[in-house]
Amino acid sequence: MFSDIDNNNNWLHQVGEVCITTLELLEEKADNVGYVSHADETMKELCIGYLYLLGLCDSQGLLLDKKLPDAVKKNITIH
C-alpha cells in the first residue's frame, strides 16, 4: 500500500493497518446490527482521515528516510 517504508516511520504504517482492520470491523458490525452509532461513525471518519493523510504524506515523499549529516544533532529543541 505504501512505498519505501522507512523503519523510523514503520509505526505510522502499523497504525494504518490498525485503521484498516478497524474499518473492516465497523463495516461488519454495521451489516450485522443494521445501523451505525455516532461513536462508530466518529471512529470511521478518524480512521479514513488518518489513512488519507498517511497516503498523502507518503505520496509526497515526506516519510522517506532523509539522512542528516553527522554534524546535525537530531534530538535538540530549538526555542
N, C-alpha and C. Protein backbone atom coordinates (compact mmCIF):
# COMPACT_ATOMS: atom_id res chain seq x y z
N MET A 1 0.82 -1.20 0.00
CA MET A 1 0.00 0.00 0.00
C MET A 1 0.86 1.26 0.00
N PHE A 2 1.97 1.25 0.72
CA PHE A 2 2.81 2.44 0.82
C PHE A 2 4.19 2.12 0.26
N SER A 3 4.82 3.12 -0.35
CA SER A 3 6.11 2.90 -0.97
C SER A 3 7.25 3.27 -0.04
N ASP A 4 8.37 2.57 -0.20
CA ASP A 4 9.62 2.91 0.51
C ASP A 4 9.40 3.18 1.99
N ILE A 5 8.85 2.22 2.71
CA ILE A 5 8.60 2.40 4.14
C ILE A 5 9.91 2.46 4.89
N ASP A 6 10.10 3.53 5.64
CA ASP A 6 11.29 3.74 6.45
C ASP A 6 11.05 3.10 7.81
N ASN A 7 12.07 2.48 8.38
CA ASN A 7 11.92 1.86 9.70
C ASN A 7 11.50 2.86 10.77
N ASN A 8 11.97 4.11 10.66
CA ASN A 8 11.59 5.12 11.64
C ASN A 8 10.11 5.47 11.55
N ASN A 9 9.51 5.26 10.39
CA ASN A 9 8.10 5.58 10.19
C ASN A 9 7.23 4.33 10.16
N ASN A 10 7.82 3.18 10.46
CA ASN A 10 7.08 1.94 10.40
C ASN A 10 5.87 1.96 11.32
N TRP A 11 5.98 2.58 12.47
CA TRP A 11 4.85 2.62 13.40
C TRP A 11 3.67 3.38 12.80
N LEU A 12 3.94 4.36 11.96
CA LEU A 12 2.86 5.09 11.30
C LEU A 12 2.06 4.15 10.40
N HIS A 13 2.76 3.27 9.71
CA HIS A 13 2.09 2.32 8.84
C HIS A 13 1.40 1.22 9.64
N GLN A 14 1.95 0.89 10.79
CA GLN A 14 1.27 -0.09 11.66
C GLN A 14 -0.05 0.48 12.16
N VAL A 15 -0.08 1.76 12.49
CA VAL A 15 -1.33 2.40 12.88
C VAL A 15 -2.30 2.38 11.70
N GLY A 16 -1.77 2.58 10.50
CA GLY A 16 -2.60 2.49 9.30
C GLY A 16 -3.24 1.13 9.15
N GLU A 17 -2.48 0.08 9.43
CA GLU A 17 -3.03 -1.28 9.38
C GLU A 17 -4.13 -1.47 10.42
N VAL A 18 -3.95 -0.89 11.60
CA VAL A 18 -4.99 -0.96 12.64
C VAL A 18 -6.24 -0.23 12.15
N CYS A 19 -6.05 0.89 11.47
CA CYS A 19 -7.20 1.63 10.93
C CYS A 19 -7.96 0.80 9.90
N ILE A 20 -7.23 0.11 9.04
CA ILE A 20 -7.87 -0.72 8.01
C ILE A 20 -8.68 -1.83 8.68
N THR A 21 -8.10 -2.48 9.67
CA THR A 21 -8.80 -3.54 10.39
C THR A 21 -10.03 -2.98 11.11
N THR A 22 -9.87 -1.81 11.72
CA THR A 22 -10.99 -1.17 12.42
C THR A 22 -12.13 -0.87 11.47
N LEU A 23 -11.80 -0.36 10.28
CA LEU A 23 -12.84 -0.06 9.29
C LEU A 23 -13.57 -1.33 8.85
N GLU A 24 -12.83 -2.41 8.68
CA GLU A 24 -13.46 -3.68 8.32
C GLU A 24 -14.40 -4.17 9.42
N LEU A 25 -13.96 -4.05 10.67
CA LEU A 25 -14.81 -4.47 11.79
C LEU A 25 -16.05 -3.59 11.92
N LEU A 26 -15.89 -2.29 11.71
CA LEU A 26 -17.04 -1.39 11.78
C LEU A 26 -18.05 -1.67 10.67
N GLU A 27 -17.54 -2.00 9.49
CA GLU A 27 -18.43 -2.35 8.37
C GLU A 27 -19.20 -3.63 8.68
N GLU A 28 -18.50 -4.62 9.23
CA GLU A 28 -19.15 -5.88 9.60
C GLU A 28 -20.20 -5.64 10.69
N LYS A 29 -19.86 -4.82 11.67
CA LYS A 29 -20.79 -4.50 12.75
C LYS A 29 -22.03 -3.81 12.21
N ALA A 30 -21.84 -2.85 11.30
CA ALA A 30 -22.98 -2.14 10.72
C ALA A 30 -23.89 -3.09 9.94
N ASP A 31 -23.28 -4.05 9.23
CA ASP A 31 -24.08 -5.03 8.48
C ASP A 31 -24.88 -5.93 9.43
N ASN A 32 -24.26 -6.31 10.54
CA ASN A 32 -24.93 -7.20 11.49
C ASN A 32 -26.01 -6.51 12.31
N VAL A 33 -25.71 -5.29 12.76
CA VAL A 33 -26.63 -4.57 13.65
C VAL A 33 -27.70 -3.83 12.86
N GLY A 34 -27.33 -3.32 11.70
CA GLY A 34 -28.30 -2.62 10.87
C GLY A 34 -28.28 -1.11 11.02
N TYR A 35 -27.43 -0.59 11.87
CA TYR A 35 -27.28 0.86 11.99
C TYR A 35 -25.86 1.17 12.46
N VAL A 36 -25.50 2.44 12.34
CA VAL A 36 -24.16 2.89 12.74
C VAL A 36 -24.32 3.91 13.86
N SER A 37 -23.69 3.64 15.00
CA SER A 37 -23.77 4.56 16.12
C SER A 37 -22.90 5.79 15.86
N HIS A 38 -23.14 6.82 16.63
CA HIS A 38 -22.35 8.05 16.50
C HIS A 38 -20.87 7.77 16.78
N ALA A 39 -20.59 6.97 17.80
CA ALA A 39 -19.21 6.63 18.14
C ALA A 39 -18.54 5.87 17.00
N ASP A 40 -19.28 4.94 16.39
CA ASP A 40 -18.71 4.18 15.27
C ASP A 40 -18.47 5.07 14.07
N GLU A 41 -19.37 5.99 13.80
CA GLU A 41 -19.20 6.92 12.69
C GLU A 41 -17.99 7.83 12.93
N THR A 42 -17.82 8.26 14.17
CA THR A 42 -16.65 9.10 14.51
C THR A 42 -15.36 8.32 14.31
N MET A 43 -15.32 7.07 14.76
CA MET A 43 -14.13 6.23 14.58
C MET A 43 -13.86 5.99 13.11
N LYS A 44 -14.91 5.77 12.34
CA LYS A 44 -14.75 5.56 10.90
C LYS A 44 -14.13 6.79 10.25
N GLU A 45 -14.62 7.96 10.57
CA GLU A 45 -14.09 9.20 10.00
C GLU A 45 -12.64 9.43 10.42
N LEU A 46 -12.32 9.12 11.67
CA LEU A 46 -10.95 9.25 12.16
C LEU A 46 -10.00 8.32 11.39
N CYS A 47 -10.40 7.08 11.22
CA CYS A 47 -9.56 6.11 10.50
C CYS A 47 -9.38 6.51 9.04
N ILE A 48 -10.45 6.93 8.39
CA ILE A 48 -10.36 7.34 6.99
C ILE A 48 -9.46 8.56 6.86
N GLY A 49 -9.61 9.51 7.77
CA GLY A 49 -8.76 10.70 7.75
C GLY A 49 -7.30 10.37 7.96
N TYR A 50 -7.01 9.47 8.89
CA TYR A 50 -5.63 9.07 9.14
C TYR A 50 -5.04 8.41 7.90
N LEU A 51 -5.79 7.49 7.30
CA LEU A 51 -5.28 6.79 6.11
C LEU A 51 -5.07 7.76 4.95
N TYR A 52 -5.97 8.72 4.81
CA TYR A 52 -5.82 9.73 3.76
C TYR A 52 -4.54 10.53 3.96
N LEU A 53 -4.32 11.03 5.18
CA LEU A 53 -3.13 11.83 5.45
C LEU A 53 -1.85 11.01 5.36
N LEU A 54 -1.89 9.76 5.80
CA LEU A 54 -0.73 8.89 5.68
C LEU A 54 -0.38 8.67 4.22
N GLY A 55 -1.38 8.39 3.41
CA GLY A 55 -1.16 8.21 1.98
C GLY A 55 -0.64 9.47 1.30
N LEU A 56 -1.19 10.61 1.70
CA LEU A 56 -0.75 11.89 1.14
C LEU A 56 0.70 12.17 1.50
N CYS A 57 1.06 11.97 2.77
CA CYS A 57 2.45 12.18 3.20
C CYS A 57 3.39 11.23 2.47
N ASP A 58 2.97 9.99 2.32
CA ASP A 58 3.79 9.00 1.63
C ASP A 58 3.97 9.38 0.16
N SER A 59 2.90 9.80 -0.49
CA SER A 59 2.99 10.13 -1.91
C SER A 59 3.84 11.37 -2.17
N GLN A 60 3.94 12.24 -1.18
CA GLN A 60 4.75 13.45 -1.32
C GLN A 60 6.19 13.24 -0.86
N GLY A 61 6.51 12.03 -0.43
CA GLY A 61 7.87 11.71 -0.03
C GLY A 61 8.23 12.20 1.36
N LEU A 62 7.24 12.54 2.16
CA LEU A 62 7.51 13.06 3.49
C LEU A 62 7.91 11.98 4.48
N LEU A 63 7.69 10.73 4.14
CA LEU A 63 8.01 9.63 5.05
C LEU A 63 9.28 8.90 4.67
N LEU A 64 9.96 9.36 3.65
CA LEU A 64 11.21 8.73 3.24
C LEU A 64 12.31 9.07 4.23
N ASP A 65 13.23 8.15 4.40
CA ASP A 65 14.36 8.36 5.30
C ASP A 65 15.31 9.36 4.68
N LYS A 66 15.44 10.49 5.30
CA LYS A 66 16.36 11.52 4.83
C LYS A 66 17.53 11.56 5.80
N LYS A 67 18.67 11.19 5.33
CA LYS A 67 19.85 11.14 6.17
C LYS A 67 20.33 12.56 6.49
N LEU A 68 20.50 12.82 7.76
CA LEU A 68 21.05 14.10 8.20
C LEU A 68 22.56 13.96 8.32
N PRO A 69 23.28 14.99 8.00
CA PRO A 69 24.73 14.93 8.20
C PRO A 69 25.04 14.65 9.67
N ASP A 70 26.16 13.99 9.92
CA ASP A 70 26.54 13.65 11.30
C ASP A 70 26.72 14.90 12.16
N ALA A 71 27.00 16.03 11.54
CA ALA A 71 27.21 17.27 12.30
C ALA A 71 25.91 17.83 12.86
N VAL A 72 24.78 17.36 12.33
CA VAL A 72 23.49 17.86 12.79
C VAL A 72 23.01 16.99 13.94
N LYS A 73 22.74 17.59 15.06
CA LYS A 73 22.23 16.86 16.22
C LYS A 73 20.74 16.61 16.00
N LYS A 74 20.32 15.38 16.16
CA LYS A 74 18.94 15.02 15.85
C LYS A 74 17.98 15.29 16.99
N ASN A 75 18.40 15.18 18.22
CA ASN A 75 17.49 15.29 19.36
C ASN A 75 17.71 16.60 20.11
N ILE A 76 17.48 17.70 19.43
CA ILE A 76 17.62 19.01 20.08
C ILE A 76 16.30 19.76 19.92
N THR A 77 16.07 20.67 20.83
CA THR A 77 14.90 21.53 20.77
C THR A 77 15.37 22.94 20.55
N ILE A 78 14.82 23.59 19.56
CA ILE A 78 15.17 24.98 19.26
C ILE A 78 14.04 25.85 19.75
N HIS A 79 14.39 26.85 20.56
CA HIS A 79 13.37 27.75 21.10
C HIS A 79 13.43 29.09 20.42
